[in-house]
Amino acid sequence: MAVETKNVSQISNFEVDPEDAFPSQSVRLLRTVDAARVALTTLALVAAITILGVSADALAVYDATHVPATFLLPLWPDDFDLRPTVALVVGSSIILVANGASIVAARSQSLRERALIRSSVIVAAPAIGLVAAVVAISFFYSINASTTVDTLQSWSCRWSEVAMMSRPHFGTLCKQSKAGLYLSILLVPIETIILGAGGYQTILEMNLSRTAGVVQERRKSGSPAPSSVRDIEGEAR
């Protein structure tokens, strides 16, 4: 009888809560989603910087080489529409600011303690970036499709085969315009994925917060909290 009691005592000492033995899958999933979202946001940020750079440079070249119609051999036509390129500059600037704010919110310790503000930035930033990209692309295509007025892309690509020893180098401007446009198109699915990941991350954080509240009640009642809860609380911080 004594042997049986001793064996039972030894077994009970090694009993563990299943949650204490295995890390929370929700916490691991949350960290994975957050890492993927931050990586895609960084990619969108780099793309926005590139779009802004090539589009702004194209406008700068135009300003430096544009001459009045009274000149004998003007390089640019009188009827010229810069709005598509300006739309890319404005759109990429908005995307740059939005994604920059999202990265700051993801890494700021002070915002980690303010879940509502942090979640709002995480969801709002890609939504703003998505709208900015769609508007810029739509504006670009609607004006660039005109058959009566040239744009920076249509004019530079038309004369891209002409070899030039000095600016404006139409071939380079054509490539820059296309690069800015294609990167803007690429940003649409990227921002859409970031938006979905941000919404999913917000839902996961809400579920983990509710779990943490249940754990607090367990602690008040004297029940031990599993190690997965420590992961949850660490993630919440």
Protein backbone atom coordinates (compact mmCIF):
# COMPACT_ATOMS: atom_id res chain seq x y z
CA MET A 1 0.00 0.00 0.00
CA ALA A 2 2.84 2.32 0.86
CA VAL A 3 4.51 1.53 -2.45
CA GLU A 4 1.32 2.40 -4.36
CA THR A 5 1.02 5.70 -2.48
CA LYS A 6 4.64 6.52 -3.26
CA ASN A 7 4.11 5.77 -6.96
CA VAL A 8 0.97 7.92 -7.11
CA SER A 9 2.83 10.74 -5.40
CA GLN A 10 5.68 10.54 -7.91
CA ILE A 11 3.30 10.52 -10.86
CA SER A 12 1.35 13.52 -9.56
CA ASN A 13 4.54 15.51 -9.22
CA PHE A 14 5.18 15.15 -12.95
CA GLU A 15 1.66 16.00 -14.10
CA VAL A 16 1.62 19.16 -16.21
CA ASP A 17 -0.97 21.29 -17.86
CA PRO A 18 -1.02 20.59 -21.62
CA GLU A 19 -0.98 24.35 -22.20
CA ASP A 20 2.09 24.56 -19.99
CA ALA A 21 3.93 21.98 -22.05
CA PHE A 22 3.22 23.36 -25.51
CA PRO A 23 3.55 27.02 -26.57
CA SER A 24 0.37 28.70 -27.71
CA GLN A 25 -0.26 28.17 -31.42
CA SER A 26 -2.13 31.47 -31.52
CA VAL A 27 0.93 33.34 -30.29
CA ARG A 28 3.16 31.68 -32.88
CA LEU A 29 0.62 32.42 -35.60
CA LEU A 30 0.37 36.05 -34.49
CA ARG A 31 4.13 36.48 -34.63
CA THR A 32 4.27 34.89 -38.09
CA VAL A 33 1.51 37.13 -39.45
CA ASP A 34 3.13 40.21 -37.91
CA ALA A 35 6.54 39.35 -39.40
CA ALA A 36 5.02 38.76 -42.85
CA ARG A 37 3.05 42.00 -42.67
CA VAL A 38 6.10 44.04 -41.67
CA ALA A 39 8.17 42.44 -44.47
CA LEU A 40 5.54 43.25 -47.10
CA THR A 41 5.12 46.76 -45.70
CA THR A 42 8.86 47.29 -46.02
CA LEU A 43 8.69 46.05 -49.62
CA ALA A 44 5.85 48.48 -50.35
CA LEU A 45 7.86 51.26 -48.73
CA VAL A 46 10.86 50.56 -50.97
CA ALA A 47 8.60 50.44 -54.05
CA ALA A 48 7.02 53.77 -53.11
CA ILE A 49 10.45 55.37 -52.70
CA THR A 50 11.46 54.07 -56.13
CA ILE A 51 8.27 55.36 -57.78
CA LEU A 52 8.72 58.74 -56.14
CA GLY A 53 12.35 58.91 -57.22
CA VAL A 54 11.90 58.04 -60.91
CA SER A 55 8.74 60.14 -61.31
CA ALA A 56 10.17 63.19 -59.57
CA ASP A 57 13.37 62.89 -61.62
CA ALA A 58 11.35 62.77 -64.84
CA LEU A 59 9.52 65.95 -63.85
CA ALA A 60 12.82 67.61 -62.96
CA VAL A 61 14.27 66.72 -66.38
CA TYR A 62 11.19 68.15 -68.08
CA ASP A 63 11.43 71.39 -66.11
CA ALA A 64 15.12 71.70 -66.98
CA THR A 65 14.71 71.05 -70.71
CA HIS A 66 11.32 72.61 -71.44
CA VAL A 67 11.53 75.84 -73.43
CA PRO A 68 8.83 78.22 -74.68
CA ALA A 69 7.27 77.67 -78.10
CA THR A 70 9.10 80.74 -79.42
CA PHE A 71 12.35 78.74 -79.49
CA LEU A 72 13.34 77.34 -82.86
CA LEU A 73 13.59 73.63 -81.88
CA PRO A 74 11.63 72.91 -78.70
CA LEU A 75 12.07 69.41 -77.29
CA TRP A 76 8.55 69.21 -75.88
CA PRO A 77 5.17 69.96 -77.50
CA ASP A 78 2.98 72.87 -76.45
CA ASP A 79 -0.02 70.67 -75.61
CA PHE A 80 1.48 68.56 -72.88
CA ASP A 81 -0.11 66.94 -69.83
CA LEU A 82 2.06 66.23 -66.81
CA ARG A 83 -0.79 65.11 -64.57
CA PRO A 84 -0.18 61.33 -64.95
CA THR A 85 3.40 61.71 -63.70
CA VAL A 86 2.28 64.12 -60.98
CA ALA A 87 -0.33 61.53 -59.93
CA LEU A 88 2.44 58.95 -59.48
CA VAL A 89 4.44 61.41 -57.37
CA VAL A 90 1.47 62.24 -55.15
CA GLY A 91 0.31 58.63 -54.89
CA SER A 92 3.76 57.30 -54.03
CA SER A 93 4.21 60.04 -51.42
CA ILE A 94 0.96 59.03 -49.72
CA ILE A 95 1.94 55.35 -49.84
CA LEU A 96 5.37 56.21 -48.44
CA VAL A 97 3.92 58.07 -45.46
CA ALA A 98 1.24 55.42 -44.82
CA ASN A 99 3.63 52.48 -44.86
CA GLY A 100 6.18 54.39 -42.83
CA ALA A 101 3.53 55.01 -40.17
CA SER A 102 2.62 51.32 -40.21
CA ILE A 103 6.22 50.25 -39.60
CA VAL A 104 6.59 52.78 -36.78
CA ALA A 105 3.37 51.50 -35.19
CA ALA A 106 4.63 47.92 -35.42
CA ARG A 107 7.92 48.71 -33.69
CA SER A 108 6.89 51.45 -31.25
CA GLN A 109 6.80 50.20 -27.66
CA SER A 110 4.47 53.02 -26.57
CA LEU A 111 1.90 52.10 -29.23
CA ARG A 112 2.11 48.42 -28.29
CA GLU A 113 0.46 49.40 -25.02
CA ARG A 114 -2.30 51.23 -26.91
CA ALA A 115 -3.90 48.39 -28.79
CA LEU A 116 -6.72 50.43 -30.34
CA ILE A 117 -4.42 53.06 -31.87
CA ARG A 118 -1.92 50.45 -33.04
CA SER A 119 -4.61 48.26 -34.64
CA SER A 120 -6.16 51.29 -36.33
CA VAL A 121 -2.83 52.27 -37.89
CA ILE A 122 -2.09 48.69 -38.96
CA VAL A 123 -5.40 48.48 -40.85
CA ALA A 124 -5.75 52.09 -42.02
CA ALA A 125 -2.23 52.45 -43.46
CA PRO A 126 -2.50 49.73 -46.15
CA ALA A 127 -6.07 50.81 -46.91
CA ILE A 128 -4.85 54.35 -47.61
CA GLY A 129 -1.94 52.99 -49.64
CA LEU A 130 -4.25 50.77 -51.69
CA VAL A 131 -6.61 53.63 -52.49
CA ALA A 132 -3.70 55.92 -53.41
CA ALA A 133 -2.22 53.31 -55.76
CA VAL A 134 -5.55 52.59 -57.47
CA VAL A 135 -6.35 56.30 -57.93
CA ALA A 136 -2.87 57.08 -59.30
CA ILE A 137 -3.01 54.17 -61.78
CA SER A 138 -6.55 55.02 -62.92
CA PHE A 139 -5.63 58.67 -63.36
CA PHE A 140 -2.49 57.74 -65.28
CA TYR A 141 -4.24 55.42 -67.72
CA SER A 142 -7.26 57.68 -68.26
CA ILE A 143 -5.11 60.63 -69.34
CA ASN A 144 -2.34 58.66 -71.06
CA ALA A 145 -4.95 57.07 -73.34
CA SER A 146 -5.68 60.44 -74.95
CA THR A 147 -4.96 60.64 -78.68
CA THR A 148 -4.85 64.44 -78.79
CA VAL A 149 -2.60 65.41 -75.86
CA ASP A 150 0.79 63.89 -75.13
CA THR A 151 2.01 62.91 -71.69
CA LEU A 152 5.55 62.54 -70.45
CA GLN A 153 5.45 58.79 -71.05
CA SER A 154 3.81 58.88 -74.48
CA TRP A 155 6.15 61.57 -75.79
CA SER A 156 9.37 60.16 -74.34
CA CYS A 157 8.57 56.61 -75.49
CA ARG A 158 7.72 57.88 -78.97
CA TRP A 159 11.21 59.35 -79.30
CA SER A 160 13.02 56.77 -77.17
CA GLU A 161 14.99 55.41 -80.16
CA VAL A 162 16.58 58.78 -80.85
CA ALA A 163 20.16 58.85 -79.55
CA MET A 164 20.86 61.97 -77.48
CA MET A 165 24.15 63.20 -76.08
CA SER A 166 22.48 65.37 -73.45
CA ARG A 167 19.21 65.63 -71.59
CA PRO A 168 16.34 64.89 -71.76
CA HIS A 169 17.43 61.39 -72.95
CA PHE A 170 13.97 60.26 -74.02
CA GLY A 171 14.91 56.58 -73.82
CA THR A 172 15.77 56.91 -70.13
CA LEU A 173 12.64 58.95 -69.40
CA CYS A 174 10.52 56.30 -71.12
CA LYS A 175 12.02 53.55 -68.96
CA GLN A 176 11.56 55.63 -65.80
CA SER A 177 7.91 56.31 -66.61
CA LYS A 178 7.22 52.63 -67.25
CA ALA A 179 9.05 51.59 -64.07
CA GLY A 180 6.99 53.99 -61.96
CA LEU A 181 3.76 52.77 -63.54
CA TYR A 182 4.55 49.05 -63.23
CA LEU A 183 5.65 49.40 -59.61
CA SER A 184 2.40 51.25 -58.87
CA ILE A 185 0.45 48.36 -60.38
CA LEU A 186 2.50 45.90 -58.31
CA LEU A 187 1.63 47.83 -55.16
CA VAL A 188 -2.09 47.06 -55.56
CA PRO A 189 -1.85 43.33 -54.70
CA ILE A 190 0.88 44.00 -52.12
CA GLU A 191 -1.23 46.57 -50.27
CA THR A 192 -4.24 44.25 -50.52
CA ILE A 193 -2.31 41.42 -48.86
CA ILE A 194 -0.99 43.79 -46.19
CA LEU A 195 -4.53 44.99 -45.50
CA GLY A 196 -5.77 41.41 -45.12
CA ALA A 197 -2.84 40.51 -42.86
CA GLY A 198 -3.44 43.60 -40.74
CA GLY A 199 -7.10 42.75 -40.27
CA TYR A 200 -6.27 39.14 -39.41
CA GLN A 201 -3.59 40.27 -36.97
CA THR A 202 -6.08 42.57 -35.26
CA ILE A 203 -8.52 39.67 -34.82
CA LEU A 204 -5.78 37.46 -33.38
CA GLU A 205 -4.72 40.16 -30.93
CA MET A 206 -8.32 40.63 -29.79
CA ASN A 207 -8.67 36.88 -29.19
CA LEU A 208 -5.41 36.77 -27.25
CA SER A 209 -6.48 39.75 -25.16
CA ARG A 210 -9.67 37.93 -24.22
CA THR A 211 -7.61 34.86 -23.33
CA ALA A 212 -5.35 37.00 -21.16
CA GLY A 213 -8.44 38.32 -19.36
CA VAL A 214 -9.57 34.78 -18.60
CA VAL A 215 -6.12 34.00 -17.24
CA GLN A 216 -6.25 36.97 -14.92
CA GLU A 217 -9.46 35.58 -13.48
CA ARG A 218 -7.75 32.21 -12.98
CA ARG A 219 -4.92 33.88 -11.14
CA LYS A 220 -7.30 35.73 -8.89
CA SER A 221 -8.97 32.44 -8.04
CA GLY A 222 -5.58 30.90 -7.20
CA SER A 223 -5.20 28.67 -10.27
CA PRO A 224 -1.76 28.60 -11.89
CA ALA A 225 -1.38 30.20 -15.32
CA PRO A 226 0.17 28.14 -18.12
CA SER A 227 3.37 29.20 -19.82
CA SER A 228 1.48 30.00 -23.02
CA VAL A 229 -0.16 32.84 -21.15
CA ARG A 230 3.22 34.37 -20.51
CA ASP A 231 3.73 34.29 -24.27
CA ILE A 232 0.38 36.02 -24.75
CA GLU A 233 1.14 38.69 -22.19
CA GLY A 234 4.59 39.25 -23.66
CA GLU A 235 3.06 39.64 -27.10
CA ALA A 236 0.49 42.09 -25.78
CA ARG A 237 3.29 44.23 -24.38
